[in-house]
Amino acid sequence: MSELPDYGRDLIEINRVIRNLAPRCGVDLGDFSRISALLDETQLPCKTVQDKALVTLRGLMFLRWKVLHELQQ
């Protein structure tokens, strides 16, 4: 019998970090066109601290999507 990992705490932490990073990166989480553009961007600059935060935000958004996808299966 296979057991599913408990993603509850991980998802809470991912959401917390996303909510903290988004304003620092100038991303409104209610602006779906901006979120979509961020997720579609493949060549983000990574020179400044804010650039690195944006790359982290993008990665966490993908991770969140993956966790939610796993929970639905």
PDB file of N, CA and C in Angstrom:
ATOM      1  N   MET A   1       0.837  -1.172   0.000  1.00  0.00           N
ATOM      2  CA  MET A   1       0.000   0.000   0.000  1.00  0.00           C
ATOM      3  C   MET A   1       0.890   1.246   0.000  1.00  0.00           C
ATOM      4  N   SER A   2       0.664   2.133  -0.965  1.00  0.00           N
ATOM      5  CA  SER A   2       1.504   3.324  -1.025  1.00  0.00           C
ATOM      6  C   SER A   2       0.860   4.456  -0.235  1.00  0.00           C
ATOM      7  N   GLU A   3       1.686   5.175   0.474  1.00  0.00           N
ATOM      8  CA  GLU A   3       1.189   6.292   1.266  1.00  0.00           C
ATOM      9  C   GLU A   3       1.543   7.586   0.573  1.00  0.00           C
ATOM     10  N   LEU A   4       0.592   8.512   0.596  1.00  0.00           N
ATOM     11  CA  LEU A   4       0.850   9.836   0.057  1.00  0.00           C
ATOM     12  C   LEU A   4       1.520  10.679   1.134  1.00  0.00           C
ATOM     13  N   PRO A   5       2.510  11.463   0.743  1.00  0.00           N
ATOM     14  CA  PRO A   5       3.129  12.349   1.727  1.00  0.00           C
ATOM     15  C   PRO A   5       2.112  13.387   2.213  1.00  0.00           C
ATOM     16  N   ASP A   6       2.296  13.868   3.421  1.00  0.00           N
ATOM     17  CA  ASP A   6       1.440  14.925   3.948  1.00  0.00           C
ATOM     18  C   ASP A   6       2.020  16.261   3.502  1.00  0.00           C
ATOM     19  N   TYR A   7       1.394  16.853   2.499  1.00  0.00           N
ATOM     20  CA  TYR A   7       1.879  18.110   1.943  1.00  0.00           C
ATOM     21  C   TYR A   7       1.310  19.329   2.663  1.00  0.00           C
ATOM     22  N   GLY A   8       0.458  19.123   3.650  1.00  0.00           N
ATOM     23  CA  GLY A   8      -0.224  20.233   4.303  1.00  0.00           C
ATOM     24  C   GLY A   8       0.708  21.302   4.825  1.00  0.00           C
ATOM     25  N   ARG A   9       1.684  20.909   5.628  1.00  0.00           N
ATOM     26  CA  ARG A   9       2.618  21.898   6.193  1.00  0.00           C
ATOM     27  C   ARG A   9       3.496  22.519   5.120  1.00  0.00           C
ATOM     28  N   ASP A  10       3.917  21.699   4.165  1.00  0.00           N
ATOM     29  CA  ASP A  10       4.741  22.231   3.076  1.00  0.00           C
ATOM     30  C   ASP A  10       3.973  23.271   2.271  1.00  0.00           C
ATOM     31  N   LEU A  11       2.716  22.974   1.967  1.00  0.00           N
ATOM     32  CA  LEU A  11       1.904  23.894   1.192  1.00  0.00           C
ATOM     33  C   LEU A  11       1.663  25.196   1.959  1.00  0.00           C
ATOM     34  N   ILE A  12       1.450  25.087   3.250  1.00  0.00           N
ATOM     35  CA  ILE A  12       1.276  26.292   4.079  1.00  0.00           C
ATOM     36  C   ILE A  12       2.538  27.153   4.028  1.00  0.00           C
ATOM     37  N   GLU A  13       3.695  26.520   4.140  1.00  0.00           N
ATOM     38  CA  GLU A  13       4.968  27.263   4.108  1.00  0.00           C
ATOM     39  C   GLU A  13       5.225  27.864   2.730  1.00  0.00           C
ATOM     40  N   ILE A  14       4.941  27.114   1.673  1.00  0.00           N
ATOM     41  CA  ILE A  14       5.112  27.633   0.310  1.00  0.00           C
ATOM     42  C   ILE A  14       4.228  28.859   0.119  1.00  0.00           C
ATOM     43  N   ASN A  15       2.967  28.756   0.531  1.00  0.00           N
ATOM     44  CA  ASN A  15       2.038  29.888   0.404  1.00  0.00           C
ATOM     45  C   ASN A  15       2.517  31.095   1.196  1.00  0.00           C
ATOM     46  N   ARG A  16       3.051  30.855   2.387  1.00  0.00           N
ATOM     47  CA  ARG A  16       3.541  31.952   3.221  1.00  0.00           C
ATOM     48  C   ARG A  16       4.689  32.693   2.539  1.00  0.00           C
ATOM     49  N   VAL A  17       5.624  31.939   2.000  1.00  0.00           N
ATOM     50  CA  VAL A  17       6.777  32.562   1.345  1.00  0.00           C
ATOM     51  C   VAL A  17       6.341  33.296   0.070  1.00  0.00           C
ATOM     52  N   ILE A  18       5.435  32.701  -0.682  1.00  0.00           N
ATOM     53  CA  ILE A  18       4.920  33.370  -1.883  1.00  0.00           C
ATOM     54  C   ILE A  18       4.266  34.694  -1.505  1.00  0.00           C
ATOM     55  N   ARG A  19       3.433  34.696  -0.467  1.00  0.00           N
ATOM     56  CA  ARG A  19       2.766  35.937  -0.038  1.00  0.00           C
ATOM     57  C   ARG A  19       3.778  36.990   0.422  1.00  0.00           C
ATOM     58  N   ASN A  20       4.887  36.566   1.018  1.00  0.00           N
ATOM     59  CA  ASN A  20       5.912  37.522   1.458  1.00  0.00           C
ATOM     60  C   ASN A  20       6.764  38.030   0.304  1.00  0.00           C
ATOM     61  N   LEU A  21       7.092  37.162  -0.637  1.00  0.00           N
ATOM     62  CA  LEU A  21       7.959  37.553  -1.747  1.00  0.00           C
ATOM     63  C   LEU A  21       7.254  38.398  -2.801  1.00  0.00           C
ATOM     64  N   ALA A  22       6.004  38.107  -3.063  1.00  0.00           N
ATOM     65  CA  ALA A  22       5.288  38.776  -4.152  1.00  0.00           C
ATOM     66  C   ALA A  22       5.337  40.302  -4.062  1.00  0.00           C
ATOM     67  N   PRO A  23       4.986  40.905  -2.939  1.00  0.00           N
ATOM     68  CA  PRO A  23       5.044  42.372  -2.878  1.00  0.00           C
ATOM     69  C   PRO A  23       6.471  42.910  -3.046  1.00  0.00           C
ATOM     70  N   ARG A  24       7.443  42.198  -2.515  1.00  0.00           N
ATOM     71  CA  ARG A  24       8.844  42.628  -2.651  1.00  0.00           C
ATOM     72  C   ARG A  24       9.304  42.584  -4.096  1.00  0.00           C
ATOM     73  N   CYS A  25       8.668  41.726  -4.887  1.00  0.00           N
ATOM     74  CA  CYS A  25       9.018  41.587  -6.303  1.00  0.00           C
ATOM     75  C   CYS A  25       8.120  42.434  -7.202  1.00  0.00           C
ATOM     76  N   GLY A  26       7.172  43.149  -6.605  1.00  0.00           N
ATOM     77  CA  GLY A  26       6.258  43.971  -7.389  1.00  0.00           C
ATOM     78  C   GLY A  26       5.203  43.149  -8.109  1.00  0.00           C
ATOM     79  N   VAL A  27       4.870  41.989  -7.569  1.00  0.00           N
ATOM     80  CA  VAL A  27       3.896  41.103  -8.190  1.00  0.00           C
ATOM     81  C   VAL A  27       2.624  41.112  -7.348  1.00  0.00           C
ATOM     82  N   ASP A  28       1.520  41.488  -7.995  1.00  0.00           N
ATOM     83  CA  ASP A  28       0.204  41.440  -7.355  1.00  0.00           C
ATOM     84  C   ASP A  28      -0.361  40.050  -7.601  1.00  0.00           C
ATOM     85  N   LEU A  29      -0.565  39.288  -6.538  1.00  0.00           N
ATOM     86  CA  LEU A  29      -1.041  37.916  -6.681  1.00  0.00           C
ATOM     87  C   LEU A  29      -2.462  37.838  -7.224  1.00  0.00           C
ATOM     88  N   GLY A  30      -3.173  38.941  -7.248  1.00  0.00           N
ATOM     89  CA  GLY A  30      -4.510  38.978  -7.830  1.00  0.00           C
ATOM     90  C   GLY A  30      -4.507  39.290  -9.316  1.00  0.00           C
ATOM     91  N   ASP A  31      -3.350  39.643  -9.850  1.00  0.00           N
ATOM     92  CA  ASP A  31      -3.220  39.995 -11.271  1.00  0.00           C
ATOM     93  C   ASP A  31      -2.816  38.746 -12.050  1.00  0.00           C
ATOM     94  N   PHE A  32      -3.813  38.031 -12.543  1.00  0.00           N
ATOM     95  CA  PHE A  32      -3.558  36.741 -13.187  1.00  0.00           C
ATOM     96  C   PHE A  32      -2.741  36.878 -14.470  1.00  0.00           C
ATOM     97  N   SER A  33      -2.878  37.996 -15.180  1.00  0.00           N
ATOM     98  CA  SER A  33      -2.075  38.170 -16.395  1.00  0.00           C
ATOM     99  C   SER A  33      -0.599  38.328 -16.039  1.00  0.00           C
ATOM    100  N   ARG A  34      -0.303  39.014 -14.931  1.00  0.00           N
ATOM    101  CA  ARG A  34       1.094  39.177 -14.477  1.00  0.00           C
ATOM    102  C   ARG A  34       1.666  37.843 -13.996  1.00  0.00           C
ATOM    103  N   ILE A  35       0.845  37.079 -13.280  1.00  0.00           N
ATOM    104  CA  ILE A  35       1.292  35.761 -12.806  1.00  0.00           C
ATOM    105  C   ILE A  35       1.573  34.859 -13.995  1.00  0.00           C
ATOM    106  N   SER A  36       0.675  34.872 -14.962  1.00  0.00           N
ATOM    107  CA  SER A  36       0.856  34.049 -16.160  1.00  0.00           C
ATOM    108  C   SER A  36       2.128  34.439 -16.907  1.00  0.00           C
ATOM    109  N   ALA A  37       2.365  35.737 -17.039  1.00  0.00           N
ATOM    110  CA  ALA A  37       3.575  36.213 -17.717  1.00  0.00           C
ATOM    111  C   ALA A  37       4.827  35.780 -16.955  1.00  0.00           C
ATOM    112  N   LEU A  38       4.777  35.862 -15.641  1.00  0.00           N
ATOM    113  CA  LEU A  38       5.921  35.442 -14.827  1.00  0.00           C
ATOM    114  C   LEU A  38       6.204  33.953 -15.018  1.00  0.00           C
ATOM    115  N   LEU A  39       5.156  33.145 -15.029  1.00  0.00           N
ATOM    116  CA  LEU A  39       5.346  31.699 -15.177  1.00  0.00           C
ATOM    117  C   LEU A  39       5.803  31.327 -16.584  1.00  0.00           C
ATOM    118  N   ASP A  40       5.423  32.127 -17.571  1.00  0.00           N
ATOM    119  CA  ASP A  40       5.839  31.861 -18.954  1.00  0.00           C
ATOM    120  C   ASP A  40       7.268  32.317 -19.238  1.00  0.00           C
ATOM    121  N   GLU A  41       7.768  33.245 -18.432  1.00  0.00           N
ATOM    122  CA  GLU A  41       9.119  33.790 -18.642  1.00  0.00           C
ATOM    123  C   GLU A  41      10.161  32.719 -18.346  1.00  0.00           C
ATOM    124  N   THR A  42      11.051  32.507 -19.299  1.00  0.00           N
ATOM    125  CA  THR A  42      12.082  31.482 -19.101  1.00  0.00           C
ATOM    126  C   THR A  42      13.462  32.079 -18.868  1.00  0.00           C
ATOM    127  N   GLN A  43      13.659  33.334 -19.220  1.00  0.00           N
ATOM    128  CA  GLN A  43      14.974  33.959 -19.086  1.00  0.00           C
ATOM    129  C   GLN A  43      14.916  35.151 -18.141  1.00  0.00           C
ATOM    130  N   LEU A  44      14.698  34.878 -16.863  1.00  0.00           N
ATOM    131  CA  LEU A  44      14.678  35.959 -15.895  1.00  0.00           C
ATOM    132  C   LEU A  44      16.109  36.371 -15.551  1.00  0.00           C
ATOM    133  N   PRO A  45      16.345  37.685 -15.440  1.00  0.00           N
ATOM    134  CA  PRO A  45      17.675  38.120 -15.018  1.00  0.00           C
ATOM    135  C   PRO A  45      17.928  37.716 -13.572  1.00  0.00           C
ATOM    136  N   CYS A  46      19.170  37.545 -13.230  1.00  0.00           N
ATOM    137  CA  CYS A  46      19.478  37.138 -11.850  1.00  0.00           C
ATOM    138  C   CYS A  46      20.723  37.877 -11.363  1.00  0.00           C
ATOM    139  N   LYS A  47      20.662  39.210 -11.451  1.00  0.00           N
ATOM    140  CA  LYS A  47      21.822  40.013 -11.085  1.00  0.00           C
ATOM    141  C   LYS A  47      21.648  40.692  -9.732  1.00  0.00           C
ATOM    142  N   THR A  48      20.438  41.116  -9.433  1.00  0.00           N
ATOM    143  CA  THR A  48      20.202  41.836  -8.183  1.00  0.00           C
ATOM    144  C   THR A  48      19.468  40.936  -7.190  1.00  0.00           C
ATOM    145  N   VAL A  49      19.372  41.402  -5.968  1.00  0.00           N
ATOM    146  CA  VAL A  49      18.642  40.663  -4.940  1.00  0.00           C
ATOM    147  C   VAL A  49      17.177  40.526  -5.345  1.00  0.00           C
ATOM    148  N   GLN A  50      16.595  41.598  -5.914  1.00  0.00           N
ATOM    149  CA  GLN A  50      15.201  41.532  -6.342  1.00  0.00           C
ATOM    150  C   GLN A  50      15.019  40.531  -7.483  1.00  0.00           C
ATOM    151  N   ASP A  51      15.983  40.467  -8.411  1.00  0.00           N
ATOM    152  CA  ASP A  51      15.913  39.478  -9.495  1.00  0.00           C
ATOM    153  C   ASP A  51      15.912  38.063  -8.923  1.00  0.00           C
ATOM    154  N   LYS A  52      16.770  37.831  -7.953  1.00  0.00           N
ATOM    155  CA  LYS A  52      16.856  36.505  -7.339  1.00  0.00           C
ATOM    156  C   LYS A  52      15.557  36.166  -6.601  1.00  0.00           C
ATOM    157  N   ALA A  53      14.956  37.162  -5.963  1.00  0.00           N
ATOM    158  CA  ALA A  53      13.678  36.950  -5.282  1.00  0.00           C
ATOM    159  C   ALA A  53      12.594  36.597  -6.294  1.00  0.00           C
ATOM    160  N   LEU A  54      12.615  37.234  -7.456  1.00  0.00           N
ATOM    161  CA  LEU A  54      11.633  36.944  -8.502  1.00  0.00           C
ATOM    162  C   LEU A  54      11.803  35.522  -9.039  1.00  0.00           C
ATOM    163  N   VAL A  55      13.039  35.087  -9.205  1.00  0.00           N
ATOM    164  CA  VAL A  55      13.311  33.715  -9.644  1.00  0.00           C
ATOM    165  C   VAL A  55      12.805  32.726  -8.584  1.00  0.00           C
ATOM    166  N   THR A  56      13.050  33.045  -7.321  1.00  0.00           N
ATOM    167  CA  THR A  56      12.565  32.194  -6.228  1.00  0.00           C
ATOM    168  C   THR A  56      11.044  32.151  -6.213  1.00  0.00           C
ATOM    169  N   LEU A  57      10.413  33.302  -6.375  1.00  0.00           N
ATOM    170  CA  LEU A  57       8.951  33.375  -6.410  1.00  0.00           C
ATOM    171  C   LEU A  57       8.398  32.511  -7.536  1.00  0.00           C
ATOM    172  N   ARG A  58       8.985  32.615  -8.701  1.00  0.00           N
ATOM    173  CA  ARG A  58       8.538  31.818  -9.852  1.00  0.00           C
ATOM    174  C   ARG A  58       8.675  30.325  -9.551  1.00  0.00           C
ATOM    175  N   GLY A  59       9.794  29.935  -8.993  1.00  0.00           N
ATOM    176  CA  GLY A  59      10.015  28.529  -8.667  1.00  0.00           C
ATOM    177  C   GLY A  59       9.023  28.019  -7.629  1.00  0.00           C
ATOM    178  N   LEU A  60       8.731  28.835  -6.628  1.00  0.00           N
ATOM    179  CA  LEU A  60       7.771  28.429  -5.603  1.00  0.00           C
ATOM    180  C   LEU A  60       6.359  28.314  -6.171  1.00  0.00           C
ATOM    181  N   MET A  61       6.041  29.170  -7.131  1.00  0.00           N
ATOM    182  CA  MET A  61       4.721  29.071  -7.765  1.00  0.00           C
ATOM    183  C   MET A  61       4.593  27.763  -8.541  1.00  0.00           C
ATOM    184  N   PHE A  62       5.662  27.375  -9.219  1.00  0.00           N
ATOM    185  CA  PHE A  62       5.646  26.086  -9.911  1.00  0.00           C
ATOM    186  C   PHE A  62       5.571  24.932  -8.911  1.00  0.00           C
ATOM    187  N   LEU A  63       6.308  25.027  -7.829  1.00  0.00           N
ATOM    188  CA  LEU A  63       6.277  23.984  -6.802  1.00  0.00           C
ATOM    189  C   LEU A  63       4.881  23.871  -6.191  1.00  0.00           C
ATOM    190  N   ARG A  64       4.252  25.004  -5.925  1.00  0.00           N
ATOM    191  CA  ARG A  64       2.896  25.011  -5.387  1.00  0.00           C
ATOM    192  C   ARG A  64       1.947  24.307  -6.344  1.00  0.00           C
ATOM    193  N   TRP A  65       2.060  24.638  -7.624  1.00  0.00           N
ATOM    194  CA  TRP A  65       1.208  23.997  -8.631  1.00  0.00           C
ATOM    195  C   TRP A  65       1.423  22.481  -8.625  1.00  0.00           C
ATOM    196  N   LYS A  66       2.673  22.049  -8.553  1.00  0.00           N
ATOM    197  CA  LYS A  66       3.000  20.617  -8.555  1.00  0.00           C
ATOM    198  C   LYS A  66       2.398  19.917  -7.333  1.00  0.00           C
ATOM    199  N   VAL A  67       2.520  20.526  -6.161  1.00  0.00           N
ATOM    200  CA  VAL A  67       1.976  19.936  -4.938  1.00  0.00           C
ATOM    201  C   VAL A  67       0.452  19.826  -5.053  1.00  0.00           C
ATOM    202  N   LEU A  68      -0.195  20.900  -5.498  1.00  0.00           N
ATOM    203  CA  LEU A  68      -1.653  20.852  -5.648  1.00  0.00           C
ATOM    204  C   LEU A  68      -2.069  19.799  -6.669  1.00  0.00           C
ATOM    205  N   HIS A  69      -1.304  19.681  -7.732  1.00  0.00           N
ATOM    206  CA  HIS A  69      -1.589  18.657  -8.753  1.00  0.00           C
ATOM    207  C   HIS A  69      -1.481  17.251  -8.162  1.00  0.00           C
ATOM    208  N   GLU A  70      -0.456  17.027  -7.354  1.00  0.00           N
ATOM    209  CA  GLU A  70      -0.283  15.718  -6.709  1.00  0.00           C
ATOM    210  C   GLU A  70      -1.430  15.407  -5.745  1.00  0.00           C
ATOM    211  N   LEU A  71      -1.909  16.428  -5.053  1.00  0.00           N
ATOM    212  CA  LEU A  71      -2.988  16.225  -4.101  1.00  0.00           C
ATOM    213  C   LEU A  71      -4.307  15.863  -4.798  1.00  0.00           C
ATOM    214  N   GLN A  72      -4.470  16.313  -6.023  1.00  0.00           N
ATOM    215  CA  GLN A  72      -5.703  16.039  -6.759  1.00  0.00           C
ATOM    216  C   GLN A  72      -5.726  14.635  -7.351  1.00  0.00           C
ATOM    217  N   GLN A  73      -4.605  13.988  -7.428  1.00  0.00           N
ATOM    218  CA  GLN A  73      -4.560  12.648  -8.044  1.00  0.00           C
ATOM    219  C   GLN A  73      -4.921  11.580  -7.074  1.00  0.00           C
TER     220      GLN A  73
END
